[in-house]
């Protein structure tokens, strides 16, 4: 499981202002999750997905803070956006393999990557999502590619490019 820098999220998140006991820990996603994983700095808000039960509790306390984004319902309370669904997918879907802390969870890198993939079709601010998506692909390459193999391949790229069906060089890479 990929984890990030908890100190970033702990400094930014204070859920006490809501003065409720959440039935399930709110699930952080969006820009602060991107920063948690070391991809980019977050912007102006803190995004969470919450259960429908918690959404119903908060909507009673903050009826003037409702948001509707193409049928996904949420609340904007100060710097927080709390959503009961994103692209009609709810808390149980997004919280799979989340990184869990005392008062909140952070969406898994894989689910965050999935969100960026679906954002292409569902968000008007495509360039931000394109940049985020590219950063996340590079993260996978940096973390999981065999560095020795990549170095060797780059050193011999001319040979690979001149052989349309590939080459095996002394049974080694």
N, C-alpha and C. Protein backbone atom coordinates (compact mmCIF):
# COMPACT_ATOMS: atom_id res chain seq x y z
N UNK A 1 0.85 -1.18 0.00
CA UNK A 1 0.00 0.00 0.00
C UNK A 1 0.89 1.24 0.00
N UNK A 2 0.55 2.19 -0.84
CA UNK A 2 1.28 3.45 -0.92
C UNK A 2 0.75 4.38 0.16
N UNK A 3 1.65 4.95 0.94
CA UNK A 3 1.25 5.96 1.92
C UNK A 3 2.03 7.24 1.64
N UNK A 4 1.58 8.31 2.24
CA UNK A 4 2.19 9.60 2.00
C UNK A 4 2.64 10.26 3.28
N UNK A 5 2.66 11.57 3.26
CA UNK A 5 3.16 12.37 4.37
C UNK A 5 2.00 12.82 5.25
N UNK A 6 1.84 12.12 6.35
CA UNK A 6 0.72 12.40 7.26
C UNK A 6 0.82 13.80 7.88
N UNK A 7 2.02 14.32 8.05
CA UNK A 7 2.15 15.64 8.68
C UNK A 7 1.43 16.71 7.85
N UNK A 8 1.39 16.54 6.54
CA UNK A 8 0.70 17.49 5.67
C UNK A 8 -0.79 17.51 5.98
N UNK A 9 -1.39 16.34 6.07
CA UNK A 9 -2.83 16.28 6.31
C UNK A 9 -3.18 16.65 7.75
N UNK A 10 -2.37 16.20 8.69
CA UNK A 10 -2.66 16.53 10.09
C UNK A 10 -2.66 18.04 10.33
N UNK A 11 -1.77 18.78 9.68
CA UNK A 11 -1.72 20.24 9.84
C UNK A 11 -2.95 20.91 9.25
N UNK A 12 -3.48 20.36 8.18
CA UNK A 12 -4.55 21.02 7.43
C UNK A 12 -5.95 20.66 7.92
N UNK A 13 -6.10 19.50 8.53
CA UNK A 13 -7.45 18.98 8.82
C UNK A 13 -7.81 19.15 10.29
N UNK A 14 -8.89 19.88 10.52
CA UNK A 14 -9.49 19.98 11.85
C UNK A 14 -11.00 19.81 11.66
N UNK A 15 -11.49 18.64 11.98
CA UNK A 15 -12.90 18.32 11.77
C UNK A 15 -13.77 18.71 12.97
N UNK A 16 -13.16 19.26 14.02
CA UNK A 16 -13.92 19.58 15.23
C UNK A 16 -14.96 20.67 15.00
N UNK A 17 -14.76 21.52 14.00
CA UNK A 17 -15.73 22.59 13.77
C UNK A 17 -17.13 22.08 13.40
N UNK A 18 -17.21 20.85 12.93
CA UNK A 18 -18.51 20.30 12.55
C UNK A 18 -19.32 19.87 13.77
N UNK A 19 -18.65 19.63 14.88
CA UNK A 19 -19.31 19.29 16.14
C UNK A 19 -20.29 18.12 15.99
N UNK A 20 -19.84 17.09 15.27
CA UNK A 20 -20.61 15.85 15.17
C UNK A 20 -19.65 14.68 15.34
N UNK A 21 -20.20 13.54 15.65
CA UNK A 21 -19.44 12.31 15.63
C UNK A 21 -19.76 11.62 14.31
N UNK A 22 -18.77 11.53 13.44
CA UNK A 22 -18.99 10.90 12.15
C UNK A 22 -19.22 9.41 12.34
N UNK A 23 -20.15 8.85 11.59
CA UNK A 23 -20.42 7.41 11.67
C UNK A 23 -19.27 6.61 11.06
N UNK A 24 -18.60 7.19 10.08
CA UNK A 24 -17.40 6.62 9.46
C UNK A 24 -16.44 7.77 9.24
N UNK A 25 -15.16 7.49 9.34
CA UNK A 25 -14.15 8.54 9.18
C UNK A 25 -14.27 9.17 7.79
N UNK A 26 -14.31 10.51 7.73
CA UNK A 26 -14.33 11.17 6.42
C UNK A 26 -13.12 10.76 5.59
N UNK A 27 -13.32 10.65 4.29
CA UNK A 27 -12.30 10.17 3.36
C UNK A 27 -11.75 11.34 2.54
N UNK A 28 -10.50 11.68 2.77
CA UNK A 28 -9.85 12.77 2.07
C UNK A 28 -9.54 12.37 0.63
N UNK A 29 -9.83 13.28 -0.30
CA UNK A 29 -9.44 13.11 -1.70
C UNK A 29 -9.08 14.49 -2.24
N UNK A 30 -8.87 14.63 -3.52
CA UNK A 30 -8.63 15.92 -4.14
C UNK A 30 -7.21 16.42 -3.91
N UNK A 31 -7.08 17.74 -3.92
CA UNK A 31 -5.76 18.38 -3.88
C UNK A 31 -4.93 18.04 -2.66
N UNK A 32 -5.55 17.98 -1.49
CA UNK A 32 -4.77 17.66 -0.29
C UNK A 32 -4.29 16.21 -0.33
N UNK A 33 -5.08 15.33 -0.91
CA UNK A 33 -4.61 13.95 -1.10
C UNK A 33 -3.46 13.91 -2.09
N UNK A 34 -3.53 14.73 -3.14
CA UNK A 34 -2.42 14.82 -4.09
C UNK A 34 -1.15 15.29 -3.37
N UNK A 35 -1.29 16.28 -2.49
CA UNK A 35 -0.13 16.76 -1.73
C UNK A 35 0.37 15.69 -0.76
N UNK A 36 -0.54 15.00 -0.11
CA UNK A 36 -0.18 13.91 0.81
C UNK A 36 0.72 12.89 0.11
N UNK A 37 0.40 12.57 -1.15
CA UNK A 37 1.19 11.61 -1.91
C UNK A 37 2.41 12.24 -2.58
N UNK A 38 2.66 13.53 -2.33
CA UNK A 38 3.85 14.18 -2.83
C UNK A 38 3.79 14.57 -4.30
N UNK A 39 2.59 14.73 -4.84
CA UNK A 39 2.45 15.01 -6.27
C UNK A 39 2.42 16.51 -6.59
N UNK A 40 1.68 17.28 -5.84
CA UNK A 40 1.59 18.72 -6.03
C UNK A 40 0.99 19.35 -4.79
N UNK A 41 1.14 20.65 -4.67
CA UNK A 41 0.53 21.38 -3.56
C UNK A 41 -0.99 21.43 -3.75
N UNK A 42 -1.69 21.41 -2.64
CA UNK A 42 -3.15 21.54 -2.71
C UNK A 42 -3.50 23.00 -2.97
N UNK A 43 -4.74 23.18 -3.34
CA UNK A 43 -5.19 24.54 -3.64
C UNK A 43 -5.98 25.09 -2.47
N UNK A 44 -7.15 25.58 -2.68
CA UNK A 44 -7.87 26.36 -1.68
C UNK A 44 -8.81 25.58 -0.78
N UNK A 45 -9.24 24.37 -1.16
CA UNK A 45 -10.24 23.69 -0.33
C UNK A 45 -9.75 22.30 0.08
N UNK A 46 -10.49 21.70 0.98
CA UNK A 46 -10.20 20.35 1.47
C UNK A 46 -11.42 19.51 1.16
N UNK A 47 -11.21 18.45 0.37
CA UNK A 47 -12.32 17.63 -0.12
C UNK A 47 -12.42 16.31 0.63
N UNK A 48 -13.64 15.98 1.03
CA UNK A 48 -13.91 14.70 1.68
C UNK A 48 -15.12 14.04 1.04
N UNK A 49 -15.13 12.73 1.08
CA UNK A 49 -16.32 11.95 0.80
C UNK A 49 -16.78 11.42 2.15
N UNK A 50 -18.08 11.54 2.39
CA UNK A 50 -18.64 11.07 3.64
C UNK A 50 -19.80 10.11 3.34
N UNK A 51 -20.19 9.37 4.34
CA UNK A 51 -21.32 8.45 4.16
C UNK A 51 -22.62 9.24 4.02
N UNK A 52 -23.62 8.60 3.48
CA UNK A 52 -24.93 9.24 3.38
C UNK A 52 -25.46 9.59 4.77
N UNK A 53 -25.23 8.73 5.73
CA UNK A 53 -25.68 9.00 7.10
C UNK A 53 -25.06 10.30 7.62
N UNK A 54 -23.78 10.47 7.42
CA UNK A 54 -23.11 11.70 7.87
C UNK A 54 -23.57 12.91 7.06
N UNK A 55 -23.79 12.70 5.77
CA UNK A 55 -24.31 13.78 4.93
C UNK A 55 -25.67 14.26 5.47
N UNK A 56 -26.55 13.32 5.80
CA UNK A 56 -27.88 13.66 6.31
C UNK A 56 -27.78 14.43 7.64
N UNK A 57 -26.85 14.03 8.49
CA UNK A 57 -26.64 14.74 9.76
C UNK A 57 -26.16 16.17 9.51
N UNK A 58 -25.19 16.32 8.62
CA UNK A 58 -24.63 17.65 8.35
C UNK A 58 -25.61 18.55 7.60
N UNK A 59 -26.41 18.00 6.74
CA UNK A 59 -27.35 18.82 5.97
C UNK A 59 -28.38 19.47 6.89
N UNK A 60 -28.68 18.82 8.00
CA UNK A 60 -29.61 19.40 8.98
C UNK A 60 -28.96 20.59 9.70
N UNK A 61 -27.64 20.48 9.95
CA UNK A 61 -26.92 21.56 10.64
C UNK A 61 -26.58 22.71 9.70
N UNK A 62 -26.37 22.41 8.43
CA UNK A 62 -25.90 23.41 7.46
C UNK A 62 -26.77 23.41 6.19
N UNK A 63 -28.06 23.67 6.31
CA UNK A 63 -28.93 23.58 5.13
C UNK A 63 -28.59 24.61 4.04
N UNK A 64 -27.98 25.71 4.39
CA UNK A 64 -27.65 26.74 3.39
C UNK A 64 -26.34 26.43 2.65
N UNK A 65 -25.69 25.35 2.98
CA UNK A 65 -24.37 25.05 2.41
C UNK A 65 -24.41 23.94 1.35
N UNK A 66 -25.60 23.60 0.89
CA UNK A 66 -25.77 22.49 -0.06
C UNK A 66 -25.11 22.79 -1.40
N UNK A 67 -24.57 21.72 -2.01
CA UNK A 67 -24.04 21.79 -3.37
C UNK A 67 -24.60 20.61 -4.15
N UNK A 68 -24.77 20.83 -5.44
CA UNK A 68 -25.22 19.77 -6.33
C UNK A 68 -24.35 19.86 -7.57
N UNK A 69 -23.53 18.86 -7.79
CA UNK A 69 -22.70 18.82 -8.99
C UNK A 69 -23.16 17.63 -9.82
N UNK A 70 -24.04 17.91 -10.75
CA UNK A 70 -24.56 16.89 -11.67
C UNK A 70 -25.13 15.68 -10.92
N UNK A 71 -25.83 15.94 -9.83
CA UNK A 71 -26.47 14.86 -9.09
C UNK A 71 -25.64 14.29 -7.95
N UNK A 72 -24.42 14.75 -7.82
CA UNK A 72 -23.62 14.40 -6.64
C UNK A 72 -23.86 15.51 -5.62
N UNK A 73 -24.34 15.12 -4.44
CA UNK A 73 -24.70 16.11 -3.42
C UNK A 73 -23.57 16.27 -2.42
N UNK A 74 -23.37 17.52 -2.02
CA UNK A 74 -22.34 17.81 -1.05
C UNK A 74 -22.66 19.06 -0.27
N UNK A 75 -21.71 19.42 0.55
CA UNK A 75 -21.81 20.62 1.37
C UNK A 75 -20.50 21.39 1.26
N UNK A 76 -20.60 22.69 1.19
CA UNK A 76 -19.41 23.54 1.25
C UNK A 76 -19.49 24.33 2.53
N UNK A 77 -18.62 23.99 3.47
CA UNK A 77 -18.63 24.60 4.79
C UNK A 77 -17.23 25.14 5.04
N UNK A 78 -17.09 26.45 4.96
CA UNK A 78 -15.77 27.06 5.10
C UNK A 78 -14.84 26.54 4.02
N UNK A 79 -13.67 26.05 4.43
CA UNK A 79 -12.70 25.54 3.45
C UNK A 79 -12.97 24.07 3.06
N UNK A 80 -14.00 23.47 3.64
CA UNK A 80 -14.28 22.06 3.39
C UNK A 80 -15.39 21.86 2.36
N UNK A 81 -15.19 20.86 1.52
CA UNK A 81 -16.26 20.33 0.67
C UNK A 81 -16.44 18.88 1.08
N UNK A 82 -17.65 18.54 1.47
CA UNK A 82 -17.96 17.18 1.92
C UNK A 82 -19.01 16.60 0.97
N UNK A 83 -18.66 15.54 0.28
CA UNK A 83 -19.50 14.96 -0.76
C UNK A 83 -20.01 13.59 -0.34
N UNK A 84 -21.27 13.30 -0.66
CA UNK A 84 -21.80 11.97 -0.38
C UNK A 84 -21.52 11.02 -1.53
N UNK A 85 -21.16 11.58 -2.71
CA UNK A 85 -20.76 10.75 -3.84
C UNK A 85 -19.96 11.60 -4.82
N UNK A 86 -19.17 10.93 -5.63
CA UNK A 86 -18.45 11.55 -6.74
C UNK A 86 -18.70 10.65 -7.94
N UNK A 87 -19.25 11.22 -8.99
CA UNK A 87 -19.64 10.45 -10.20
C UNK A 87 -20.56 9.30 -9.83
N UNK A 88 -21.45 9.55 -8.87
CA UNK A 88 -22.46 8.60 -8.39
C UNK A 88 -21.85 7.37 -7.73
N UNK A 89 -20.57 7.43 -7.39
CA UNK A 89 -19.91 6.37 -6.62
C UNK A 89 -19.75 6.89 -5.20
N UNK A 90 -20.08 6.04 -4.23
CA UNK A 90 -20.19 6.50 -2.85
C UNK A 90 -19.00 6.08 -1.99
N UNK A 91 -19.10 6.42 -0.73
CA UNK A 91 -18.06 6.23 0.27
C UNK A 91 -17.49 4.81 0.26
N UNK A 92 -18.35 3.80 0.25
CA UNK A 92 -17.86 2.42 0.32
C UNK A 92 -16.94 2.08 -0.84
N UNK A 93 -17.24 2.59 -2.02
CA UNK A 93 -16.37 2.35 -3.18
C UNK A 93 -15.02 3.04 -2.99
N UNK A 94 -15.05 4.33 -2.69
CA UNK A 94 -13.81 5.10 -2.63
C UNK A 94 -12.95 4.78 -1.40
N UNK A 95 -13.54 4.28 -0.34
CA UNK A 95 -12.76 4.03 0.87
C UNK A 95 -12.00 2.71 0.85
N UNK A 96 -12.20 1.91 -0.19
CA UNK A 96 -11.46 0.63 -0.29
C UNK A 96 -9.96 0.91 -0.29
N UNK A 97 -9.25 0.23 0.57
CA UNK A 97 -7.78 0.33 0.70
C UNK A 97 -7.29 1.72 1.11
N UNK A 98 -8.16 2.52 1.70
CA UNK A 98 -7.76 3.86 2.15
C UNK A 98 -6.73 3.73 3.28
N UNK A 99 -5.93 4.77 3.42
CA UNK A 99 -4.97 4.86 4.52
C UNK A 99 -5.71 5.46 5.70
N UNK A 100 -5.74 4.74 6.80
CA UNK A 100 -6.59 5.15 7.91
C UNK A 100 -5.78 5.79 9.03
N UNK A 101 -6.28 6.93 9.50
CA UNK A 101 -5.70 7.62 10.64
C UNK A 101 -6.79 7.77 11.71
N UNK A 102 -6.45 8.42 12.81
CA UNK A 102 -7.36 8.47 13.95
C UNK A 102 -8.73 9.08 13.61
N UNK A 103 -8.75 10.21 12.89
CA UNK A 103 -10.02 10.91 12.68
C UNK A 103 -10.46 10.96 11.23
N UNK A 104 -9.64 10.49 10.31
CA UNK A 104 -9.97 10.54 8.90
C UNK A 104 -9.22 9.43 8.16
N UNK A 105 -9.59 9.25 6.91
CA UNK A 105 -8.89 8.34 6.02
C UNK A 105 -8.40 9.15 4.82
N UNK A 106 -7.38 8.63 4.15
CA UNK A 106 -6.92 9.23 2.90
C UNK A 106 -7.18 8.21 1.80
N UNK A 107 -7.80 8.67 0.74
CA UNK A 107 -8.12 7.79 -0.38
C UNK A 107 -6.84 7.09 -0.86
N UNK A 108 -6.98 5.84 -1.25
CA UNK A 108 -5.80 5.12 -1.75
C UNK A 108 -5.30 5.78 -3.03
N UNK A 109 -4.03 5.61 -3.29
CA UNK A 109 -3.45 6.17 -4.51
C UNK A 109 -4.18 5.63 -5.73
N UNK A 110 -4.52 4.35 -5.71
CA UNK A 110 -5.20 3.73 -6.85
C UNK A 110 -6.59 4.32 -7.08
N UNK A 111 -7.34 4.56 -6.02
CA UNK A 111 -8.68 5.16 -6.18
C UNK A 111 -8.55 6.63 -6.60
N UNK A 112 -7.55 7.33 -6.10
CA UNK A 112 -7.31 8.70 -6.52
C UNK A 112 -6.96 8.75 -8.01
N UNK A 113 -6.14 7.80 -8.45
CA UNK A 113 -5.78 7.68 -9.86
C UNK A 113 -7.04 7.44 -10.69
N UNK A 114 -7.91 6.56 -10.20
CA UNK A 114 -9.18 6.30 -10.88
C UNK A 114 -10.00 7.59 -11.00
N UNK A 115 -10.06 8.38 -9.92
CA UNK A 115 -10.82 9.63 -9.96
C UNK A 115 -10.29 10.56 -11.03
N UNK A 116 -8.98 10.63 -11.17
CA UNK A 116 -8.38 11.50 -12.19
C UNK A 116 -8.72 10.99 -13.58
N UNK A 117 -8.78 9.68 -13.75
CA UNK A 117 -9.14 9.11 -15.05
C UNK A 117 -10.57 9.47 -15.42
N UNK A 118 -11.50 9.37 -14.48
CA UNK A 118 -12.89 9.68 -14.81
C UNK A 118 -13.14 11.18 -14.90
N UNK A 119 -12.26 11.98 -14.34
CA UNK A 119 -12.43 13.43 -14.39
C UNK A 119 -12.34 13.98 -15.81
N UNK A 120 -11.64 13.27 -16.70
CA UNK A 120 -11.54 13.73 -18.09
C UNK A 120 -12.91 13.96 -18.71
N UNK A 121 -13.84 13.09 -18.43
CA UNK A 121 -15.16 13.19 -19.05
C UNK A 121 -16.15 14.01 -18.24
N UNK A 122 -15.81 14.32 -17.00
CA UNK A 122 -16.81 14.90 -16.12
C UNK A 122 -16.48 16.27 -15.57
N UNK A 123 -15.33 16.82 -15.89
CA UNK A 123 -14.93 18.09 -15.31
C UNK A 123 -14.58 19.10 -16.40
N UNK A 124 -15.02 20.32 -16.24
CA UNK A 124 -14.68 21.34 -17.24
C UNK A 124 -13.21 21.78 -17.17
N UNK A 125 -12.58 21.63 -16.01
CA UNK A 125 -11.20 22.08 -15.83
C UNK A 125 -10.24 20.94 -16.20
N UNK A 126 -10.23 20.59 -17.48
CA UNK A 126 -9.51 19.40 -17.94
C UNK A 126 -8.00 19.53 -17.77
N UNK A 127 -7.40 20.68 -17.97
CA UNK A 127 -5.94 20.80 -17.92
C UNK A 127 -5.40 20.40 -16.55
N UNK A 128 -6.05 20.82 -15.49
CA UNK A 128 -5.62 20.44 -14.14
C UNK A 128 -5.62 18.93 -13.99
N UNK A 129 -6.68 18.29 -14.45
CA UNK A 129 -6.78 16.84 -14.33
C UNK A 129 -5.77 16.14 -15.23
N UNK A 130 -5.51 16.69 -16.41
CA UNK A 130 -4.50 16.13 -17.30
C UNK A 130 -3.14 16.19 -16.63
N UNK A 131 -2.80 17.33 -16.06
CA UNK A 131 -1.51 17.47 -15.36
C UNK A 131 -1.42 16.51 -14.19
N UNK A 132 -2.49 16.41 -13.39
CA UNK A 132 -2.50 15.49 -12.25
C UNK A 132 -2.33 14.05 -12.71
N UNK A 133 -3.03 13.68 -13.77
CA UNK A 133 -2.97 12.32 -14.30
C UNK A 133 -1.55 11.99 -14.73
N UNK A 134 -0.90 12.91 -15.43
CA UNK A 134 0.49 12.69 -15.87
C UNK A 134 1.43 12.56 -14.68
N UNK A 135 1.23 13.37 -13.64
CA UNK A 135 2.05 13.26 -12.44
C UNK A 135 1.89 11.89 -11.79
N UNK A 136 0.65 11.39 -11.78
CA UNK A 136 0.39 10.10 -11.15
C UNK A 136 1.00 8.95 -11.95
N UNK A 137 0.96 9.03 -13.27
CA UNK A 137 1.61 8.01 -14.10
C UNK A 137 3.11 8.03 -13.83
N UNK A 138 3.70 9.23 -13.80
CA UNK A 138 5.14 9.34 -13.53
C UNK A 138 5.48 8.77 -12.16
N UNK A 139 4.61 8.98 -11.18
CA UNK A 139 4.83 8.42 -9.84
C UNK A 139 4.97 6.90 -9.92
N UNK A 140 4.07 6.25 -10.66
CA UNK A 140 4.16 4.80 -10.83
C UNK A 140 5.47 4.40 -11.48
N UNK A 141 5.85 5.11 -12.54
CA UNK A 141 7.12 4.80 -13.20
C UNK A 141 8.30 4.96 -12.23
N UNK A 142 8.33 6.08 -11.53
CA UNK A 142 9.43 6.35 -10.60
C UNK A 142 9.50 5.32 -9.48
N UNK A 143 8.37 4.89 -9.01
CA UNK A 143 8.33 3.98 -7.86
C UNK A 143 8.53 2.52 -8.24
N UNK A 144 8.04 2.11 -9.41
CA UNK A 144 7.99 0.68 -9.69
C UNK A 144 8.82 0.19 -10.88
N UNK A 145 9.31 1.08 -11.73
CA UNK A 145 10.13 0.59 -12.85
C UNK A 145 11.48 0.09 -12.34
N UNK A 146 11.98 -0.95 -12.99
CA UNK A 146 13.31 -1.48 -12.69
C UNK A 146 14.32 -0.47 -13.23
N UNK A 147 15.00 0.24 -12.34
CA UNK A 147 15.90 1.32 -12.74
C UNK A 147 17.08 0.81 -13.58
N UNK A 148 17.63 -0.35 -13.22
CA UNK A 148 18.75 -0.90 -14.00
C UNK A 148 18.32 -1.21 -15.43
N UNK A 149 17.14 -1.81 -15.56
CA UNK A 149 16.63 -2.13 -16.89
C UNK A 149 16.39 -0.87 -17.71
N UNK A 150 15.78 0.14 -17.10
CA UNK A 150 15.50 1.39 -17.80
C UNK A 150 16.80 2.05 -18.25
N UNK A 151 17.79 2.05 -17.37
CA UNK A 151 19.10 2.63 -17.72
C UNK A 151 19.72 1.89 -18.90
N UNK A 152 19.69 0.56 -18.85
CA UNK A 152 20.25 -0.24 -19.93
C UNK A 152 19.48 0.01 -21.23
N UNK A 153 18.16 0.02 -21.15
CA UNK A 153 17.32 0.24 -22.32
C UNK A 153 17.62 1.60 -22.95
N UNK A 154 17.72 2.63 -22.12
CA UNK A 154 18.00 3.97 -22.64
C UNK A 154 19.38 4.03 -23.30
N UNK A 155 20.33 3.32 -22.73
CA UNK A 155 21.69 3.29 -23.28
C UNK A 155 21.70 2.65 -24.66
N UNK A 156 20.81 1.69 -24.90
CA UNK A 156 20.79 0.95 -26.16
C UNK A 156 19.53 1.25 -27.00
N UNK A 157 18.94 2.41 -26.79
CA UNK A 157 17.68 2.71 -27.49
C UNK A 157 17.83 2.71 -29.00
N UNK A 158 18.99 3.10 -29.52
CA UNK A 158 19.21 3.07 -30.97
C UNK A 158 19.05 1.68 -31.55
N UNK A 159 19.56 0.68 -30.86
CA UNK A 159 19.42 -0.71 -31.32
C UNK A 159 17.96 -1.14 -31.30
N UNK A 160 17.24 -0.76 -30.24
CA UNK A 160 15.83 -1.14 -30.15
C UNK A 160 15.02 -0.48 -31.27
N UNK A 161 15.30 0.77 -31.53
CA UNK A 161 14.54 1.50 -32.54
C UNK A 161 14.81 0.98 -33.95
N UNK A 162 15.99 0.42 -34.16
CA UNK A 162 16.31 -0.09 -35.50
C UNK A 162 15.86 -1.54 -35.70
N UNK A 163 15.35 -2.18 -34.69
CA UNK A 163 14.87 -3.57 -34.78
C UNK A 163 13.35 -3.57 -34.57
N UNK A 164 12.56 -3.61 -35.64
CA UNK A 164 11.11 -3.45 -35.51
C UNK A 164 10.43 -4.51 -34.65
N UNK A 165 11.02 -5.69 -34.48
CA UNK A 165 10.40 -6.74 -33.67
C UNK A 165 11.14 -6.96 -32.36
N UNK A 166 11.99 -6.03 -31.98
CA UNK A 166 12.74 -6.13 -30.74
C UNK A 166 13.99 -6.97 -30.89
N UNK A 167 14.82 -6.93 -29.85
CA UNK A 167 16.04 -7.73 -29.87
C UNK A 167 16.27 -8.34 -28.50
N UNK A 168 16.94 -9.44 -28.51
CA UNK A 168 17.45 -10.03 -27.26
C UNK A 168 18.96 -9.97 -27.39
N UNK A 169 19.60 -9.40 -26.42
CA UNK A 169 21.03 -9.14 -26.48
C UNK A 169 21.72 -10.05 -25.47
N UNK A 170 22.29 -11.15 -25.91
CA UNK A 170 23.00 -12.09 -25.05
C UNK A 170 22.14 -12.60 -23.90
N UNK A 171 20.85 -12.75 -24.12
CA UNK A 171 19.91 -13.19 -23.08
C UNK A 171 19.90 -12.30 -21.85
N UNK A 172 20.40 -11.11 -21.98
CA UNK A 172 20.43 -10.15 -20.88
C UNK A 172 19.65 -8.91 -21.28
N UNK A 173 19.34 -8.13 -20.31
CA UNK A 173 18.82 -6.81 -20.62
C UNK A 173 19.86 -5.81 -20.24
